[in-house]
Amino acid sequence: MIELRQDALVFSFPEVHEDAVLRIDFQRTLRIPDDGRDYPLPPGLGRFPLRHVDDYAARVPERWLRHGGVMLPMYQSEALWLNFHSPHGYPFVLKVAAGKINAVTGDAWSDGVSRDPQDYVVIPEQPWLDGYAVEKGVIRQFVAMPLGSGYSAEEQITGAAEHGGIQLVAYPMKAKAWERLKRKRKLERFAFEAAYAPCLAEEMSAYDMGLAPGGRMRQEIYDDPYRFEDWDLGHRSRCFVHIANSLVWRAITGENPPTVPPTAKEYTSAGLPWFEYYAEDLNVLEGAEKLASLKSVAQLGKQKGDVPLPENEPVTPERVVALRRGLAKHEGRQGEF
C-alpha cells in the first residue's frame, strides 16, 4: 500500500508486519557545480510538493494517467535528492530508476531484484540517494532537464525520450527475519550501553522533465548486509513519480511552485553547512560503468554549444559537518538557508 502524507510517499506492508513502513520524500537542494571536482553532500532545503496525478486528470498528459502515481515540480537545471526513513528501522530493498534507467547499475528497468550485481539500495543502511552511482564512493547529482533535449541518462543510454520521471519499487524484509534482527539489535544495544553508558551524550517539452547527471558528489552506495533469502520478494509496492516543468505546475495544479533554491555560491558564501556521511561498518558498491560513461550536463552542453547550467561557478565548502551512521538523525541534512 502506498499513501501520500505531508508531501512524502509512505510504503506500508501491514500484511507482512506492522513495523514494515517506509517513508520517501524528495528534497530540494543546491545544484553543486558541474566542474569535475568532488563535492560534499549539499543540504536539504525542504520537501518538494507531491500531488496525485489522478487528481488533475483533465490537465495532465494521458500517458501520465496510464502510469498513475504522483508528480512534483522542478525548474530546469534544478537538483533533488531522495530522503529515506524507516520509522521502526525495518529493512527494505528499494530499486530506484530515472527514465527507467537504474540509478545504481545503469541498466534498463527490469522486474525483480538482482543481488549480483546489486541493483538496489538497502534501507535504513542507505539514508539518502543524490544521484547516479558512477564510481565507488562517487555519484553524479540528479539534475532536471527537459525530456527530449538529450541530456537525461535515459536519452544518453537508450537514445529515446520516452519515460522521464522517477520509478520506485520497494520490497520489505520477511517478518521472521525482522523479528530475528530485532532480537539481535536489542542484544547489541544492551551490550553497548552496558559498556559505554558513562561516555554517552504530451507535449514533452512543455510537461516532462528527466533526470540528467550533474556534478560529482562524495556519496557511498552500500552493499546489502543481509541474506538475500531474508527479503520478501513476494510483496512489493511501486510508484511512478512524474516531474513536471515548474512553469506548467501552476497550470496543472493552480499552485505556485517552490521558489528557486539558492546557488551553491550564495549558500557557501553565507557560511552554511555542507555534509559528509560515514558508515565505516558497511561495504561500498563499485560504481556502474554504464553510468560512468555518461556525459554530465555541463560536458554535454559544451559539446552542443549550449549553456544549460547558469551559476555553475566552483565553490570551496569551508564548513563541512560530519554525520555518522547511528548518530545522525534522518533530518540531519537540513540546511539553514
Protein backbone atom coordinates (compact mmCIF):
# COMPACT_ATOMS: atom_id res chain seq x y z
CA MET A 1 0.00 0.00 0.00
CA ILE A 2 1.24 3.50 -0.86
CA GLU A 3 -0.11 6.69 0.66
CA LEU A 4 0.74 10.35 0.17
CA ARG A 5 1.19 12.07 3.53
CA GLN A 6 2.62 15.55 4.06
CA ASP A 7 4.46 15.53 0.73
CA ALA A 8 6.01 12.11 1.40
CA LEU A 9 5.34 8.69 -0.09
CA VAL A 10 4.56 6.13 2.61
CA PHE A 11 5.01 2.48 1.62
CA SER A 12 3.47 0.10 4.15
CA PHE A 13 3.09 -3.67 4.23
CA PRO A 14 0.73 -4.49 7.14
CA GLU A 15 0.17 -7.94 5.66
CA VAL A 16 3.89 -8.65 6.24
CA HIS A 17 4.50 -6.86 9.56
CA GLU A 18 3.09 -3.83 11.37
CA ASP A 19 6.60 -2.31 11.51
CA ALA A 20 7.07 -2.52 7.74
CA VAL A 21 6.72 1.19 6.92
CA LEU A 22 8.97 3.22 4.63
CA ARG A 23 8.79 6.98 4.03
CA ILE A 24 10.36 8.64 0.99
CA ASP A 25 10.42 12.36 0.33
CA PHE A 26 12.14 14.39 -2.35
CA GLN A 27 14.36 17.16 -1.05
CA ARG A 28 15.03 20.48 -2.73
CA THR A 29 18.73 21.23 -2.64
CA LEU A 30 21.64 23.16 -4.09
CA ARG A 31 22.84 22.18 -7.52
CA ILE A 32 26.52 21.52 -6.93
CA PRO A 33 28.97 22.89 -9.52
CA ASP A 34 29.45 20.58 -12.50
CA ASP A 35 33.17 21.25 -12.78
CA GLY A 36 34.83 17.85 -12.39
CA ARG A 37 35.58 18.27 -8.68
CA ASP A 38 34.10 16.03 -5.96
CA TYR A 39 31.86 17.93 -3.55
CA PRO A 40 30.44 17.01 -0.14
CA LEU A 41 26.71 16.49 0.35
CA PRO A 42 24.56 19.60 -0.08
CA PRO A 43 21.74 20.32 2.40
CA GLY A 44 18.05 19.57 2.23
CA LEU A 45 16.05 22.76 1.75
CA GLY A 46 12.61 21.28 2.33
CA ARG A 47 10.38 18.80 0.54
CA PHE A 48 9.11 19.18 -2.98
CA PRO A 49 5.30 19.22 -3.04
CA LEU A 50 3.77 15.95 -4.22
CA ARG A 51 0.31 15.61 -5.77
CA HIS A 52 -1.69 12.65 -7.07
CA VAL A 53 -1.74 12.60 -10.87
CA ASP A 54 -5.33 11.33 -10.86
CA ASP A 55 -6.50 14.47 -9.04
CA TYR A 56 -5.60 16.50 -12.15
CA ALA A 57 -6.72 14.04 -14.82
CA ALA A 58 -8.10 16.74 -17.11
CA ARG A 59 -4.85 18.72 -17.17
CA VAL A 60 -2.02 16.20 -17.48
CA PRO A 61 -0.88 14.10 -20.45
CA GLU A 62 -2.81 10.89 -20.97
CA ARG A 63 0.34 8.79 -20.61
CA TRP A 64 0.82 10.21 -17.09
CA LEU A 65 -2.59 8.78 -16.26
CA ARG A 66 -1.53 5.39 -17.65
CA HIS A 67 1.42 5.36 -15.26
CA GLY A 68 -0.57 6.81 -12.34
CA GLY A 69 1.46 7.77 -9.29
CA VAL A 70 2.35 11.27 -8.18
CA MET A 71 4.02 14.38 -9.59
CA LEU A 72 6.35 17.10 -8.34
CA PRO A 73 7.60 20.36 -9.92
CA MET A 74 11.20 21.14 -10.86
CA TYR A 75 12.82 24.03 -12.64
CA GLN A 76 15.21 23.30 -15.49
CA SER A 77 18.70 22.56 -14.07
CA GLU A 78 17.32 22.21 -10.52
CA ALA A 79 18.63 19.35 -8.35
CA LEU A 80 17.00 16.99 -5.86
CA TRP A 81 17.83 14.11 -3.54
CA LEU A 82 15.75 11.24 -2.18
CA ASN A 83 15.40 11.02 1.59
CA PHE A 84 14.65 7.59 3.10
CA HIS A 85 13.25 6.90 6.56
CA SER A 86 12.11 3.64 8.12
CA PRO A 87 10.42 4.74 11.38
CA HIS A 88 10.90 1.37 13.10
CA GLY A 89 14.23 0.54 11.46
CA TYR A 90 12.53 -2.12 9.33
CA PRO A 91 14.80 -3.07 6.39
CA PHE A 92 13.70 -2.61 2.78
CA VAL A 93 15.08 -3.22 -0.67
CA LEU A 94 14.42 -0.18 -2.87
CA LYS A 95 15.01 -0.04 -6.60
CA VAL A 96 15.41 3.50 -7.93
CA ALA A 97 15.34 4.42 -11.60
CA ALA A 98 15.12 7.66 -13.57
CA GLY A 99 13.61 7.39 -17.02
CA LYS A 100 13.56 3.64 -16.31
CA ILE A 101 17.38 3.62 -16.08
CA ASN A 102 18.55 2.02 -12.84
CA ALA A 103 20.41 4.64 -10.78
CA VAL A 104 22.74 2.01 -9.25
CA THR A 105 23.66 -0.12 -12.29
CA GLY A 106 22.76 1.96 -15.36
CA ASP A 107 20.72 -0.95 -16.74
CA ALA A 108 17.27 -0.65 -18.27
CA TRP A 109 14.38 -1.22 -15.89
CA SER A 110 13.65 -4.85 -15.08
CA ASP A 111 11.19 -6.53 -12.75
CA GLY A 112 12.53 -8.44 -9.77
CA VAL A 113 15.72 -7.90 -7.79
CA SER A 114 19.32 -8.79 -8.64
CA ARG A 115 21.94 -9.47 -5.94
CA ASP A 116 24.91 -9.81 -8.29
CA PRO A 117 25.28 -7.15 -9.41
CA GLN A 118 23.24 -5.43 -6.73
CA ASP A 119 20.65 -3.25 -8.45
CA TYR A 120 19.06 -1.66 -5.37
CA VAL A 121 19.77 0.22 -2.17
CA VAL A 122 19.06 -1.14 1.30
CA ILE A 123 17.19 0.97 3.84
CA PRO A 124 17.84 2.00 6.61
CA GLU A 125 21.54 1.47 5.82
CA GLN A 126 21.21 3.88 2.86
CA PRO A 127 19.81 7.13 4.33
CA TRP A 128 19.53 9.01 1.03
CA LEU A 129 20.38 8.96 -2.66
CA ASP A 130 21.51 12.07 -4.53
CA GLY A 131 22.30 10.75 -7.99
CA TYR A 132 23.73 8.13 -10.32
CA ALA A 133 26.41 5.78 -8.92
CA VAL A 134 29.31 6.44 -11.30
CA GLU A 135 32.29 5.35 -9.20
CA LYS A 136 32.96 3.76 -5.83
CA GLY A 137 32.06 6.49 -3.35
CA VAL A 138 31.01 8.99 -6.05
CA ILE A 139 27.65 9.87 -7.59
CA ARG A 140 26.63 12.41 -10.19
CA GLN A 141 23.83 14.61 -8.89
CA PHE A 142 20.25 14.25 -10.14
CA VAL A 143 19.60 17.41 -12.22
CA ALA A 144 16.30 18.11 -14.01
CA MET A 145 16.45 18.78 -17.75
CA PRO A 146 13.63 18.87 -20.32
CA LEU A 147 12.88 15.43 -21.68
CA GLY A 148 13.73 15.47 -25.37
CA SER A 149 16.74 17.79 -25.00
CA GLY A 150 19.20 14.88 -24.98
CA TYR A 151 20.68 15.46 -21.50
CA SER A 152 18.91 12.82 -19.40
CA ALA A 153 20.55 9.49 -18.59
CA GLU A 154 17.60 7.82 -20.29
CA GLU A 155 18.29 9.60 -23.59
CA GLN A 156 22.05 9.13 -23.43
CA ILE A 157 21.74 5.38 -22.81
CA THR A 158 18.67 4.44 -24.89
CA GLY A 159 18.57 7.23 -27.46
CA ALA A 160 14.87 7.79 -26.66
CA ALA A 161 12.93 10.29 -24.55
CA GLU A 162 10.08 8.03 -23.57
CA HIS A 163 9.60 7.84 -19.80
CA GLY A 164 11.24 10.60 -17.76
CA GLY A 165 10.39 10.90 -14.07
CA ILE A 166 11.49 8.60 -11.24
CA GLN A 167 10.47 4.99 -10.73
CA LEU A 168 10.46 3.34 -7.30
CA VAL A 169 9.71 -0.19 -6.15
CA ALA A 170 10.06 -1.32 -2.53
CA TYR A 171 10.28 -4.83 -1.06
CA PRO A 172 10.15 -5.49 2.70
CA MET A 173 12.20 -7.93 4.73
CA LYS A 174 10.42 -11.13 5.71
CA ALA A 175 8.69 -10.92 9.08
CA LYS A 176 10.65 -13.81 10.58
CA ALA A 177 13.94 -12.26 9.52
CA TRP A 178 12.85 -8.93 11.02
CA GLU A 179 11.99 -10.48 14.37
CA ARG A 180 15.36 -12.23 14.40
CA LEU A 181 17.11 -8.96 13.53
CA LYS A 182 15.22 -7.07 16.25
CA ARG A 183 16.38 -9.54 18.87
CA LYS A 184 19.95 -9.23 17.63
CA ARG A 185 19.81 -5.41 17.67
CA LYS A 186 18.35 -5.44 21.17
CA LEU A 187 21.18 -7.62 22.47
CA GLU A 188 23.80 -5.48 20.72
CA ARG A 189 22.30 -2.26 22.11
CA PHE A 190 22.19 -3.71 25.62
CA ALA A 191 25.85 -4.75 25.41
CA PHE A 192 26.88 -1.35 24.02
CA GLU A 193 25.02 0.64 26.66
CA ALA A 194 26.39 -1.53 29.44
CA ALA A 195 29.94 -0.92 28.25
CA TYR A 196 29.73 2.74 27.20
CA ALA A 197 26.87 4.30 29.15
CA PRO A 198 29.18 6.57 31.16
CA CYS A 199 30.53 8.08 27.89
CA LEU A 200 27.23 8.69 26.05
CA ALA A 201 25.90 12.18 25.25
CA GLU A 202 2.10 15.15 -24.14
CA GLU A 203 3.98 18.00 -25.29
CA MET A 204 7.02 16.56 -23.86
CA SER A 205 8.99 19.80 -23.78
CA ALA A 206 6.12 21.56 -22.02
CA TYR A 207 5.37 18.95 -19.37
CA ASP A 208 8.09 16.37 -18.82
CA MET A 209 11.44 16.59 -17.09
CA GLY A 210 14.06 13.84 -16.99
CA LEU A 211 16.98 13.50 -14.59
CA ALA A 212 20.42 14.11 -16.04
CA PRO A 213 23.84 13.50 -14.42
CA GLY A 214 25.18 16.70 -12.88
CA GLY A 215 28.17 17.48 -10.68
CA ARG A 216 30.23 14.89 -8.82
CA MET A 217 29.48 14.28 -5.15
CA ARG A 218 31.05 12.10 -2.47
CA GLN A 219 28.38 9.56 -1.57
CA GLU A 220 28.64 5.82 -0.97
CA ILE A 221 26.12 3.22 -2.11
CA TYR A 222 26.18 0.39 0.43
CA ASP A 223 26.31 -3.34 -0.12
CA ASP A 224 23.36 -5.42 1.09
CA PRO A 225 24.40 -6.64 4.58
CA TYR A 226 21.57 -9.18 4.86
CA ARG A 227 21.00 -12.67 3.50
CA PHE A 228 19.25 -12.49 0.14
CA GLU A 229 16.70 -15.07 1.27
CA ASP A 230 15.60 -12.69 4.07
CA TRP A 231 13.91 -10.38 1.56
CA ASP A 232 10.20 -10.89 0.94
CA LEU A 233 10.18 -10.60 -2.84
CA GLY A 234 6.58 -11.79 -2.97
CA HIS A 235 5.39 -8.42 -1.67
CA ARG A 236 6.15 -5.13 -3.36
CA SER A 237 4.78 -1.64 -3.91
CA ARG A 238 5.81 0.61 -6.74
CA CYS A 239 5.24 4.22 -7.71
CA PHE A 240 5.91 6.38 -10.77
CA VAL A 241 6.97 9.91 -9.81
CA HIS A 242 6.40 12.33 -12.68
CA ILE A 243 8.49 15.51 -12.84
CA ALA A 244 6.51 18.46 -14.13
CA ASN A 245 8.19 21.55 -15.53
CA SER A 246 7.71 24.20 -12.84
CA LEU A 247 6.43 26.64 -15.45
CA VAL A 248 3.38 24.42 -16.09
CA TRP A 249 2.91 23.27 -12.48
CA ARG A 250 0.58 26.20 -11.79
CA ALA A 251 -1.43 25.48 -14.93
CA ILE A 252 -1.90 21.89 -13.77
CA THR A 253 -2.47 22.38 -10.04
CA GLY A 254 -3.34 26.06 -9.57
CA GLU A 255 -0.46 26.26 -7.08
CA ASN A 256 2.77 28.20 -7.30
CA PRO A 257 5.91 26.02 -7.47
CA PRO A 258 8.55 26.45 -4.76
CA THR A 259 10.93 29.35 -5.19
CA VAL A 260 14.26 28.78 -6.93
CA PRO A 261 16.88 27.44 -4.46
CA PRO A 262 19.99 29.49 -3.69
CA THR A 263 23.05 28.83 -5.78
CA ALA A 264 25.97 26.88 -4.34
CA LYS A 265 27.96 30.13 -4.32
CA GLU A 266 25.29 32.02 -2.37
CA TYR A 267 24.88 29.21 0.14
CA THR A 268 28.61 28.72 0.70
CA SER A 269 29.29 32.47 0.95
CA ALA A 270 26.75 32.64 3.78
CA GLY A 271 28.90 30.18 5.77
CA LEU A 272 26.21 27.49 5.84
CA PRO A 273 26.98 23.78 6.23
CA TRP A 274 27.70 21.01 3.77
CA PHE A 275 27.80 17.39 4.93
CA GLU A 276 29.88 14.20 4.89
CA TYR A 277 28.32 10.85 5.85
CA TYR A 278 30.35 7.97 7.27
CA ALA A 279 29.35 4.32 7.74
CA GLU A 280 32.64 2.54 8.43
CA ASP A 281 30.88 -0.75 9.21
CA LEU A 282 29.34 -1.14 5.74
CA ASN A 283 30.87 -2.27 2.46
CA VAL A 284 30.61 0.06 -0.52
CA LEU A 285 29.47 -0.88 -4.02
CA GLU A 286 31.60 -0.15 -7.06
CA GLY A 287 30.14 2.37 -9.48
CA ALA A 288 28.48 1.34 -12.74
CA GLU A 289 30.49 1.56 -15.97
CA LYS A 290 27.35 2.46 -17.93
CA LEU A 291 26.72 5.42 -15.66
CA ALA A 292 30.38 6.46 -15.52
CA SER A 293 30.39 6.79 -19.31
CA LEU A 294 27.53 9.32 -19.31
CA LYS A 295 28.31 12.93 -20.13
CA SER A 296 27.37 15.40 -17.42
CA VAL A 297 25.05 18.31 -18.20
CA ALA A 298 27.98 20.72 -18.42
CA GLN A 299 30.03 18.38 -20.61
CA LEU A 300 27.16 17.72 -22.99
CA GLY A 301 26.20 21.41 -23.03
CA LYS A 302 29.72 22.34 -24.10
CA GLN A 303 29.54 19.72 -26.85
CA LYS A 304 26.17 21.11 -28.01
CA GLY A 305 27.26 24.74 -27.76
CA ASP A 306 24.60 25.34 -25.07
CA VAL A 307 24.85 26.88 -21.61
CA PRO A 308 22.42 24.61 -19.70
CA LEU A 309 23.70 25.38 -16.18
CA PRO A 310 23.54 29.00 -15.04
CA GLU A 311 25.55 29.90 -11.92
CA ASN A 312 28.00 26.99 -12.29
CA GLU A 313 30.99 28.65 -10.60
CA PRO A 314 33.20 26.38 -8.48
CA VAL A 315 32.95 26.81 -4.71
CA THR A 316 35.09 25.75 -1.77
CA PRO A 317 32.93 24.45 1.10
CA GLU A 318 34.63 25.51 4.32
CA ARG A 319 32.00 24.33 6.81
CA VAL A 320 31.55 20.58 6.41
CA VAL A 321 29.60 18.70 9.09
CA ALA A 322 30.41 15.01 9.66
CA LEU A 323 27.41 12.69 10.07
CA ARG A 324 27.95 9.11 11.20
CA ARG A 325 25.62 6.16 10.94
CA GLY A 326 23.75 5.53 14.15
CA LEU A 327 24.34 9.07 15.40
CA ALA A 328 22.84 11.14 12.60
CA LYS A 329 19.12 11.74 12.55
CA HIS A 330 17.38 11.35 9.20
CA GLU A 331 16.75 15.11 9.24
CA GLY A 332 20.49 15.76 9.63
CA ARG A 333 20.96 17.33 6.22
CA GLN A 334 18.50 20.17 6.65
CA GLY A 335 20.18 23.43 5.72
CA GLU A 336 19.87 26.76 7.47
CA PHE A 337 19.29 28.96 4.43
